[in-house]
């Protein structure tokens, strides 16, 4: 073996050793979620529940890791991930270019359009910016929906009110303090089919502009944890292929959201 070959082999061994040393062996994955976004994530009798939670548990089982969960207010959910409070965000977070500047995302685990809801007696059918000029519109703050409302409808003459939680916006809509609310259509489905949401209905068009609404909902992960992204992506494919995803989907919705 020549000296050059010896050196090349030594370099490869050192590189492989360094890669092995830097790779993290994931045995426990800490998951952050909001806990205030039913039916996807919510707290019932002190326990986190919902579609996001069930999906996360199924993914953790496929990855053969122990997962722990903690609730975090939405406004601070990305900063807390970056600060190391947890390892992954499973909280119905849409994959957008703006968020990808801060964190990495897995492949999508569901896709849902945005839609307006309004009181049944409102007679709102046209939800274009021109038609809703002068109306009072609500959304949850620091979301793709609030960004869309402020950029498109606020600039067209609507009054935009933002809320810390989706439930708070829905409550003001039900009580007549808002003309309409923009939210994830799938999220509103659960509320509209409840006693509290019986006042209201979907109105107008669906919105899917990727500039605002992204490429579906994914799991948020620190950019330095690329191996964890790979693990989650593999697990997402597995639960879709073996029917686990379908079973969880049917627990919450009578239609596929994948």
C-alpha atoms as a PDB file:
ATOM      1  CA  UNK A   1       0.000   0.000   0.000  1.00  0.00           C
ATOM      2  CA  UNK A   2       1.442   3.405  -0.950  1.00  0.00           C
ATOM      3  CA  UNK A   3       1.948   6.280   1.484  1.00  0.00           C
ATOM      4  CA  UNK A   4      -0.871   8.205  -0.237  1.00  0.00           C
ATOM      5  CA  UNK A   5      -3.230   5.264   0.222  1.00  0.00           C
ATOM      6  CA  UNK A   6      -2.257   4.995   3.907  1.00  0.00           C
ATOM      7  CA  UNK A   7      -2.961   8.686   4.439  1.00  0.00           C
ATOM      8  CA  UNK A   8      -6.316   8.510   2.610  1.00  0.00           C
ATOM      9  CA  UNK A   9      -7.358   5.502   4.699  1.00  0.00           C
ATOM     10  CA  UNK A  10      -6.348   7.279   7.905  1.00  0.00           C
ATOM     11  CA  UNK A  11      -8.381  10.341   6.930  1.00  0.00           C
ATOM     12  CA  UNK A  12     -11.450   8.174   6.295  1.00  0.00           C
ATOM     13  CA  UNK A  13     -11.093   6.465   9.682  1.00  0.00           C
ATOM     14  CA  UNK A  14     -10.784   9.802  11.494  1.00  0.00           C
ATOM     15  CA  UNK A  15     -13.796  11.220   9.598  1.00  0.00           C
ATOM     16  CA  UNK A  16     -15.888   8.154  10.405  1.00  0.00           C
ATOM     17  CA  UNK A  17     -14.904   8.338  14.060  1.00  0.00           C
ATOM     18  CA  UNK A  18     -15.802  12.028  14.227  1.00  0.00           C
ATOM     19  CA  UNK A  19     -19.183  11.390  12.586  1.00  0.00           C
ATOM     20  CA  UNK A  20     -19.885   8.579  15.009  1.00  0.00           C
ATOM     21  CA  UNK A  21     -18.906  10.732  17.980  1.00  0.00           C
ATOM     22  CA  UNK A  22     -21.170  13.584  16.911  1.00  0.00           C
ATOM     23  CA  UNK A  23     -24.247  11.430  16.213  1.00  0.00           C
ATOM     24  CA  UNK A  24     -26.687  11.389  19.123  1.00  0.00           C
ATOM     25  CA  UNK A  25     -28.301   8.162  20.239  1.00  0.00           C
ATOM     26  CA  UNK A  26     -31.920   9.143  20.799  1.00  0.00           C
ATOM     27  CA  UNK A  27     -33.498   7.176  23.626  1.00  0.00           C
ATOM     28  CA  UNK A  28     -35.798   9.918  24.912  1.00  0.00           C
ATOM     29  CA  UNK A  29     -37.435  12.632  22.825  1.00  0.00           C
ATOM     30  CA  UNK A  30     -39.009  15.598  24.603  1.00  0.00           C
ATOM     31  CA  UNK A  31     -42.014  16.948  22.722  1.00  0.00           C
ATOM     32  CA  UNK A  32     -43.497  20.419  23.070  1.00  0.00           C
ATOM     33  CA  UNK A  33     -47.095  21.178  22.126  1.00  0.00           C
ATOM     34  CA  UNK A  34     -49.572  23.953  22.812  1.00  0.00           C
ATOM     35  CA  UNK A  35     -52.360  22.133  24.626  1.00  0.00           C
ATOM     36  CA  UNK A  36     -54.955  24.700  23.568  1.00  0.00           C
ATOM     37  CA  UNK A  37     -55.826  23.750  19.984  1.00  0.00           C
ATOM     38  CA  UNK A  38     -58.551  21.083  20.011  1.00  0.00           C
ATOM     39  CA  UNK A  39     -59.001  18.550  18.533  1.00  0.00           C
ATOM     40  CA  UNK A  40     -55.284  18.494  17.705  1.00  0.00           C
ATOM     41  CA  UNK A  41     -53.854  19.211  21.130  1.00  0.00           C
ATOM     42  CA  UNK A  42     -55.668  20.047  24.354  1.00  0.00           C
ATOM     43  CA  UNK A  43     -55.601  19.343  28.073  1.00  0.00           C
ATOM     44  CA  UNK A  44     -58.272  17.167  29.644  1.00  0.00           C
ATOM     45  CA  UNK A  45     -58.132  16.354  33.364  1.00  0.00           C
ATOM     46  CA  UNK A  46     -54.524  17.452  33.446  1.00  0.00           C
ATOM     47  CA  UNK A  47     -53.486  15.222  30.542  1.00  0.00           C
ATOM     48  CA  UNK A  48     -52.446  16.261  27.031  1.00  0.00           C
ATOM     49  CA  UNK A  49     -54.679  14.712  24.397  1.00  0.00           C
ATOM     50  CA  UNK A  50     -55.607  15.120  20.732  1.00  0.00           C
ATOM     51  CA  UNK A  51     -54.636  14.161  17.202  1.00  0.00           C
ATOM     52  CA  UNK A  52     -51.128  15.643  17.504  1.00  0.00           C
ATOM     53  CA  UNK A  53     -50.507  13.722  20.725  1.00  0.00           C
ATOM     54  CA  UNK A  54     -51.744  10.404  19.329  1.00  0.00           C
ATOM     55  CA  UNK A  55     -49.630  10.846  16.189  1.00  0.00           C
ATOM     56  CA  UNK A  56     -46.568  11.727  18.267  1.00  0.00           C
ATOM     57  CA  UNK A  57     -47.020   8.635  20.456  1.00  0.00           C
ATOM     58  CA  UNK A  58     -47.353   6.418  17.372  1.00  0.00           C
ATOM     59  CA  UNK A  59     -44.198   7.933  15.861  1.00  0.00           C
ATOM     60  CA  UNK A  60     -42.267   7.463  19.100  1.00  0.00           C
ATOM     61  CA  UNK A  61     -43.312   3.811  19.185  1.00  0.00           C
ATOM     62  CA  UNK A  62     -41.997   3.325  15.633  1.00  0.00           C
ATOM     63  CA  UNK A  63     -38.738   5.075  16.530  1.00  0.00           C
ATOM     64  CA  UNK A  64     -38.435   2.935  19.681  1.00  0.00           C
ATOM     65  CA  UNK A  65     -37.873   5.959  21.891  1.00  0.00           C
ATOM     66  CA  UNK A  66     -39.514   7.164  25.085  1.00  0.00           C
ATOM     67  CA  UNK A  67     -41.372  10.428  24.554  1.00  0.00           C
ATOM     68  CA  UNK A  68     -42.304  13.015  27.154  1.00  0.00           C
ATOM     69  CA  UNK A  69     -44.738  15.874  26.560  1.00  0.00           C
ATOM     70  CA  UNK A  70     -45.065  19.401  27.854  1.00  0.00           C
ATOM     71  CA  UNK A  71     -47.412  22.276  27.088  1.00  0.00           C
ATOM     72  CA  UNK A  72     -46.039  25.620  25.932  1.00  0.00           C
ATOM     73  CA  UNK A  73     -47.839  28.842  24.979  1.00  0.00           C
ATOM     74  CA  UNK A  74     -47.881  29.227  21.200  1.00  0.00           C
ATOM     75  CA  UNK A  75     -46.036  32.553  21.078  1.00  0.00           C
ATOM     76  CA  UNK A  76     -43.006  31.011  22.773  1.00  0.00           C
ATOM     77  CA  UNK A  77     -43.069  27.569  21.213  1.00  0.00           C
ATOM     78  CA  UNK A  78     -40.184  28.058  18.740  1.00  0.00           C
ATOM     79  CA  UNK A  79     -37.964  30.040  21.164  1.00  0.00           C
ATOM     80  CA  UNK A  80     -38.401  27.279  23.756  1.00  0.00           C
ATOM     81  CA  UNK A  81     -37.332  24.639  21.206  1.00  0.00           C
ATOM     82  CA  UNK A  82     -34.246  26.673  20.307  1.00  0.00           C
ATOM     83  CA  UNK A  83     -33.459  27.116  24.005  1.00  0.00           C
ATOM     84  CA  UNK A  84     -33.418  23.322  24.459  1.00  0.00           C
ATOM     85  CA  UNK A  85     -36.599  23.052  26.526  1.00  0.00           C
ATOM     86  CA  UNK A  86     -37.672  20.140  24.313  1.00  0.00           C
ATOM     87  CA  UNK A  87     -36.489  18.391  21.149  1.00  0.00           C
ATOM     88  CA  UNK A  88     -39.481  18.546  18.792  1.00  0.00           C
ATOM     89  CA  UNK A  89     -42.647  20.578  18.293  1.00  0.00           C
ATOM     90  CA  UNK A  90     -45.755  18.515  17.527  1.00  0.00           C
ATOM     91  CA  UNK A  91     -48.383  21.227  17.613  1.00  0.00           C
ATOM     92  CA  UNK A  92     -50.078  21.560  14.214  1.00  0.00           C
ATOM     93  CA  UNK A  93     -47.305  23.883  13.017  1.00  0.00           C
ATOM     94  CA  UNK A  94     -47.463  24.697   9.308  1.00  0.00           C
ATOM     95  CA  UNK A  95     -44.260  24.388   7.300  1.00  0.00           C
ATOM     96  CA  UNK A  96     -43.501  27.900   6.028  1.00  0.00           C
ATOM     97  CA  UNK A  97     -40.417  29.566   4.545  1.00  0.00           C
ATOM     98  CA  UNK A  98     -40.345  32.065   7.401  1.00  0.00           C
ATOM     99  CA  UNK A  99     -40.247  29.350  10.056  1.00  0.00           C
ATOM    100  CA  UNK A 100     -37.665  27.358   8.088  1.00  0.00           C
ATOM    101  CA  UNK A 101     -35.249  30.246   8.643  1.00  0.00           C
ATOM    102  CA  UNK A 102     -35.257  29.311  12.337  1.00  0.00           C
ATOM    103  CA  UNK A 103     -35.911  25.573  12.531  1.00  0.00           C
ATOM    104  CA  UNK A 104     -35.991  22.377  10.476  1.00  0.00           C
ATOM    105  CA  UNK A 105     -39.165  20.473   9.630  1.00  0.00           C
ATOM    106  CA  UNK A 106     -40.077  16.894   8.953  1.00  0.00           C
ATOM    107  CA  UNK A 107     -42.276  15.896   6.050  1.00  0.00           C
ATOM    108  CA  UNK A 108     -45.925  16.844   6.521  1.00  0.00           C
ATOM    109  CA  UNK A 109     -48.129  14.699   8.715  1.00  0.00           C
ATOM    110  CA  UNK A 110     -51.348  16.441   7.695  1.00  0.00           C
ATOM    111  CA  UNK A 111     -52.637  19.110   5.338  1.00  0.00           C
ATOM    112  CA  UNK A 112     -55.645  21.345   5.863  1.00  0.00           C
ATOM    113  CA  UNK A 113     -56.811  24.563   4.172  1.00  0.00           C
ATOM    114  CA  UNK A 114     -57.736  27.784   5.973  1.00  0.00           C
ATOM    115  CA  UNK A 115     -61.357  28.886   6.019  1.00  0.00           C
ATOM    116  CA  UNK A 116     -63.554  31.597   7.487  1.00  0.00           C
ATOM    117  CA  UNK A 117     -66.318  30.799   9.942  1.00  0.00           C
ATOM    118  CA  UNK A 118     -69.155  33.208  10.711  1.00  0.00           C
ATOM    119  CA  UNK A 119     -72.447  33.272  12.569  1.00  0.00           C
ATOM    120  CA  UNK A 120     -75.238  31.602  10.578  1.00  0.00           C
ATOM    121  CA  UNK A 121     -77.339  34.763  10.499  1.00  0.00           C
ATOM    122  CA  UNK A 122     -74.442  36.884   9.186  1.00  0.00           C
ATOM    123  CA  UNK A 123     -75.306  36.239   5.509  1.00  0.00           C
ATOM    124  CA  UNK A 124     -71.595  36.348   4.636  1.00  0.00           C
ATOM    125  CA  UNK A 125     -70.969  34.337   1.483  1.00  0.00           C
ATOM    126  CA  UNK A 126     -68.266  36.318  -0.292  1.00  0.00           C
ATOM    127  CA  UNK A 127     -65.048  36.341   1.758  1.00  0.00           C
ATOM    128  CA  UNK A 128     -62.890  38.365  -0.619  1.00  0.00           C
ATOM    129  CA  UNK A 129     -60.973  41.301   0.906  1.00  0.00           C
ATOM    130  CA  UNK A 130     -63.298  43.769  -0.827  1.00  0.00           C
ATOM    131  CA  UNK A 131     -66.413  42.049   0.520  1.00  0.00           C
ATOM    132  CA  UNK A 132     -65.083  42.012   4.106  1.00  0.00           C
ATOM    133  CA  UNK A 133     -63.938  45.648   4.134  1.00  0.00           C
ATOM    134  CA  UNK A 134     -65.102  47.250   7.382  1.00  0.00           C
ATOM    135  CA  UNK A 135     -65.759  43.862   9.042  1.00  0.00           C
ATOM    136  CA  UNK A 136     -64.132  42.791  12.309  1.00  0.00           C
ATOM    137  CA  UNK A 137     -62.101  39.640  11.679  1.00  0.00           C
ATOM    138  CA  UNK A 138     -60.348  37.438  14.218  1.00  0.00           C
ATOM    139  CA  UNK A 139     -57.530  34.895  14.310  1.00  0.00           C
ATOM    140  CA  UNK A 140     -55.069  33.371  16.745  1.00  0.00           C
ATOM    141  CA  UNK A 141     -51.974  35.565  17.060  1.00  0.00           C
ATOM    142  CA  UNK A 142     -48.541  34.563  15.737  1.00  0.00           C
ATOM    143  CA  UNK A 143     -50.074  32.106  13.247  1.00  0.00           C
ATOM    144  CA  UNK A 144     -50.204  31.784   9.479  1.00  0.00           C
ATOM    145  CA  UNK A 145     -53.852  32.853   9.717  1.00  0.00           C
ATOM    146  CA  UNK A 146     -53.084  36.091  11.563  1.00  0.00           C
ATOM    147  CA  UNK A 147     -50.318  36.899   9.056  1.00  0.00           C
ATOM    148  CA  UNK A 148     -52.726  36.350   6.164  1.00  0.00           C
ATOM    149  CA  UNK A 149     -55.472  38.466   7.750  1.00  0.00           C
ATOM    150  CA  UNK A 150     -53.166  41.373   8.541  1.00  0.00           C
ATOM    151  CA  UNK A 151     -51.431  41.387   5.150  1.00  0.00           C
ATOM    152  CA  UNK A 152     -54.443  40.834   2.906  1.00  0.00           C
ATOM    153  CA  UNK A 153     -57.573  41.894   4.812  1.00  0.00           C
ATOM    154  CA  UNK A 154     -56.200  44.486   7.218  1.00  0.00           C
ATOM    155  CA  UNK A 155     -54.664  46.423   4.335  1.00  0.00           C
ATOM    156  CA  UNK A 156     -57.996  46.218   2.472  1.00  0.00           C
ATOM    157  CA  UNK A 157     -59.908  47.953   5.267  1.00  0.00           C
ATOM    158  CA  UNK A 158     -60.987  45.187   7.648  1.00  0.00           C
ATOM    159  CA  UNK A 159     -60.355  45.453  11.402  1.00  0.00           C
ATOM    160  CA  UNK A 160     -58.191  42.525  12.545  1.00  0.00           C
ATOM    161  CA  UNK A 161     -58.320  41.310  16.162  1.00  0.00           C
ATOM    162  CA  UNK A 162     -55.824  38.729  17.382  1.00  0.00           C
ATOM    163  CA  UNK A 163     -56.146  36.273  20.269  1.00  0.00           C
ATOM    164  CA  UNK A 164     -53.750  34.233  22.342  1.00  0.00           C
ATOM    165  CA  UNK A 165     -55.803  31.054  21.852  1.00  0.00           C
ATOM    166  CA  UNK A 166     -58.144  29.828  19.120  1.00  0.00           C
ATOM    167  CA  UNK A 167     -60.915  29.210  21.673  1.00  0.00           C
ATOM    168  CA  UNK A 168     -60.864  32.904  22.606  1.00  0.00           C
ATOM    169  CA  UNK A 169     -61.432  33.962  18.989  1.00  0.00           C
ATOM    170  CA  UNK A 170     -64.245  31.432  18.625  1.00  0.00           C
ATOM    171  CA  UNK A 171     -65.895  32.691  21.815  1.00  0.00           C
ATOM    172  CA  UNK A 172     -65.920  36.280  20.558  1.00  0.00           C
ATOM    173  CA  UNK A 173     -67.380  35.089  17.250  1.00  0.00           C
ATOM    174  CA  UNK A 174     -70.136  33.171  19.038  1.00  0.00           C
ATOM    175  CA  UNK A 175     -70.912  36.224  21.185  1.00  0.00           C
ATOM    176  CA  UNK A 176     -71.160  38.541  18.174  1.00  0.00           C
ATOM    177  CA  UNK A 177     -67.980  40.536  18.840  1.00  0.00           C
ATOM    178  CA  UNK A 178     -66.463  39.370  15.547  1.00  0.00           C
ATOM    179  CA  UNK A 179     -67.943  39.129  12.067  1.00  0.00           C
ATOM    180  CA  UNK A 180     -65.762  36.164  11.068  1.00  0.00           C
ATOM    181  CA  UNK A 181     -62.781  34.092  12.178  1.00  0.00           C
ATOM    182  CA  UNK A 182     -60.058  32.710   9.926  1.00  0.00           C
ATOM    183  CA  UNK A 183     -58.600  29.391  11.088  1.00  0.00           C
ATOM    184  CA  UNK A 184     -57.554  25.930  10.026  1.00  0.00           C
ATOM    185  CA  UNK A 185     -60.671  24.369   8.525  1.00  0.00           C
ATOM    186  CA  UNK A 186     -60.063  21.027  10.209  1.00  0.00           C
ATOM    187  CA  UNK A 187     -59.631  22.638  13.620  1.00  0.00           C
ATOM    188  CA  UNK A 188     -62.914  24.516  13.245  1.00  0.00           C
ATOM    189  CA  UNK A 189     -64.735  21.334  12.234  1.00  0.00           C
ATOM    190  CA  UNK A 190     -64.600  20.038  15.808  1.00  0.00           C
ATOM    191  CA  UNK A 191     -65.836  23.333  17.253  1.00  0.00           C
ATOM    192  CA  UNK A 192     -68.643  23.759  14.695  1.00  0.00           C
ATOM    193  CA  UNK A 193     -69.933  20.318  15.618  1.00  0.00           C
ATOM    194  CA  UNK A 194     -70.033  21.162  19.312  1.00  0.00           C
ATOM    195  CA  UNK A 195     -72.733  22.920  21.339  1.00  0.00           C
ATOM    196  CA  UNK A 196     -70.585  26.060  21.553  1.00  0.00           C
ATOM    197  CA  UNK A 197     -70.081  26.201  17.799  1.00  0.00           C
ATOM    198  CA  UNK A 198     -73.667  25.505  16.777  1.00  0.00           C
ATOM    199  CA  UNK A 199     -74.073  29.248  16.165  1.00  0.00           C
ATOM    200  CA  UNK A 200     -71.685  29.281  13.285  1.00  0.00           C
ATOM    201  CA  UNK A 201     -70.704  27.777   9.942  1.00  0.00           C
ATOM    202  CA  UNK A 202     -68.003  27.769   7.282  1.00  0.00           C
ATOM    203  CA  UNK A 203     -68.340  30.617   4.797  1.00  0.00           C
ATOM    204  CA  UNK A 204     -66.649  31.513   1.540  1.00  0.00           C
ATOM    205  CA  UNK A 205     -63.561  30.058  -0.075  1.00  0.00           C
ATOM    206  CA  UNK A 206     -60.749  27.827   1.167  1.00  0.00           C
ATOM    207  CA  UNK A 207     -57.239  29.281   1.282  1.00  0.00           C
ATOM    208  CA  UNK A 208     -54.078  27.339   0.479  1.00  0.00           C
ATOM    209  CA  UNK A 209     -51.599  29.967  -0.771  1.00  0.00           C
ATOM    210  CA  UNK A 210     -48.224  28.416   0.105  1.00  0.00           C
ATOM    211  CA  UNK A 211     -46.720  31.876   0.687  1.00  0.00           C
ATOM    212  CA  UNK A 212     -48.856  32.108   3.828  1.00  0.00           C
ATOM    213  CA  UNK A 213     -50.090  28.602   4.551  1.00  0.00           C
ATOM    214  CA  UNK A 214     -46.974  26.607   3.719  1.00  0.00           C
ATOM    215  CA  UNK A 215     -46.643  23.019   2.605  1.00  0.00           C
ATOM    216  CA  UNK A 216     -48.707  21.228   5.202  1.00  0.00           C
ATOM    217  CA  UNK A 217     -48.138  20.623   8.906  1.00  0.00           C
ATOM    218  CA  UNK A 218     -44.839  19.178  10.077  1.00  0.00           C
ATOM    219  CA  UNK A 219     -42.812  18.517  13.200  1.00  0.00           C
ATOM    220  CA  UNK A 220     -40.434  21.333  14.128  1.00  0.00           C
ATOM    221  CA  UNK A 221     -36.884  20.347  15.114  1.00  0.00           C
ATOM    222  CA  UNK A 222     -33.638  22.236  15.741  1.00  0.00           C
ATOM    223  CA  UNK A 223     -31.502  22.466  12.605  1.00  0.00           C
ATOM    224  CA  UNK A 224     -28.609  20.738  14.360  1.00  0.00           C
ATOM    225  CA  UNK A 225     -30.696  17.597  14.942  1.00  0.00           C
ATOM    226  CA  UNK A 226     -30.887  16.367  11.345  1.00  0.00           C
ATOM    227  CA  UNK A 227     -30.751  12.748  12.533  1.00  0.00           C
ATOM    228  CA  UNK A 228     -33.972  13.287  14.494  1.00  0.00           C
ATOM    229  CA  UNK A 229     -35.658  14.714  11.375  1.00  0.00           C
ATOM    230  CA  UNK A 230     -34.662  11.538   9.499  1.00  0.00           C
ATOM    231  CA  UNK A 231     -36.036   9.334  12.279  1.00  0.00           C
ATOM    232  CA  UNK A 232     -39.386  11.127  12.326  1.00  0.00           C
ATOM    233  CA  UNK A 233     -39.687  11.064   8.514  1.00  0.00           C
ATOM    234  CA  UNK A 234     -39.127   7.311   8.464  1.00  0.00           C
ATOM    235  CA  UNK A 235     -41.711   6.838  11.217  1.00  0.00           C
ATOM    236  CA  UNK A 236     -44.290   9.017   9.417  1.00  0.00           C
ATOM    237  CA  UNK A 237     -43.980   6.839   6.310  1.00  0.00           C
ATOM    238  CA  UNK A 238     -44.355   3.708   8.448  1.00  0.00           C
ATOM    239  CA  UNK A 239     -47.541   4.755  10.266  1.00  0.00           C
ATOM    240  CA  UNK A 240     -49.122   5.802   6.955  1.00  0.00           C
ATOM    241  CA  UNK A 241     -48.166   2.476   5.318  1.00  0.00           C
ATOM    242  CA  UNK A 242     -49.326   0.160   8.112  1.00  0.00           C
ATOM    243  CA  UNK A 243     -52.726   1.797   8.745  1.00  0.00           C
ATOM    244  CA  UNK A 244     -51.856   3.360  12.115  1.00  0.00           C
ATOM    245  CA  UNK A 245     -52.312   6.859  10.708  1.00  0.00           C
ATOM    246  CA  UNK A 246     -55.713   5.985   9.222  1.00  0.00           C
ATOM    247  CA  UNK A 247     -56.917   4.629  12.562  1.00  0.00           C
ATOM    248  CA  UNK A 248     -55.902   7.823  14.396  1.00  0.00           C
ATOM    249  CA  UNK A 249     -57.383   9.996  11.635  1.00  0.00           C
ATOM    250  CA  UNK A 250     -60.747   8.214  11.886  1.00  0.00           C
ATOM    251  CA  UNK A 251     -60.818   8.738  15.655  1.00  0.00           C
ATOM    252  CA  UNK A 252     -61.086  12.495  15.082  1.00  0.00           C
ATOM    253  CA  UNK A 253     -62.405  13.132  11.565  1.00  0.00           C
ATOM    254  CA  UNK A 254     -64.783  11.425   9.121  1.00  0.00           C
ATOM    255  CA  UNK A 255     -62.465  12.402   6.238  1.00  0.00           C
ATOM    256  CA  UNK A 256     -58.763  11.998   5.528  1.00  0.00           C
ATOM    257  CA  UNK A 257     -56.532  14.949   6.472  1.00  0.00           C
ATOM    258  CA  UNK A 258     -53.316  13.427   5.112  1.00  0.00           C
END
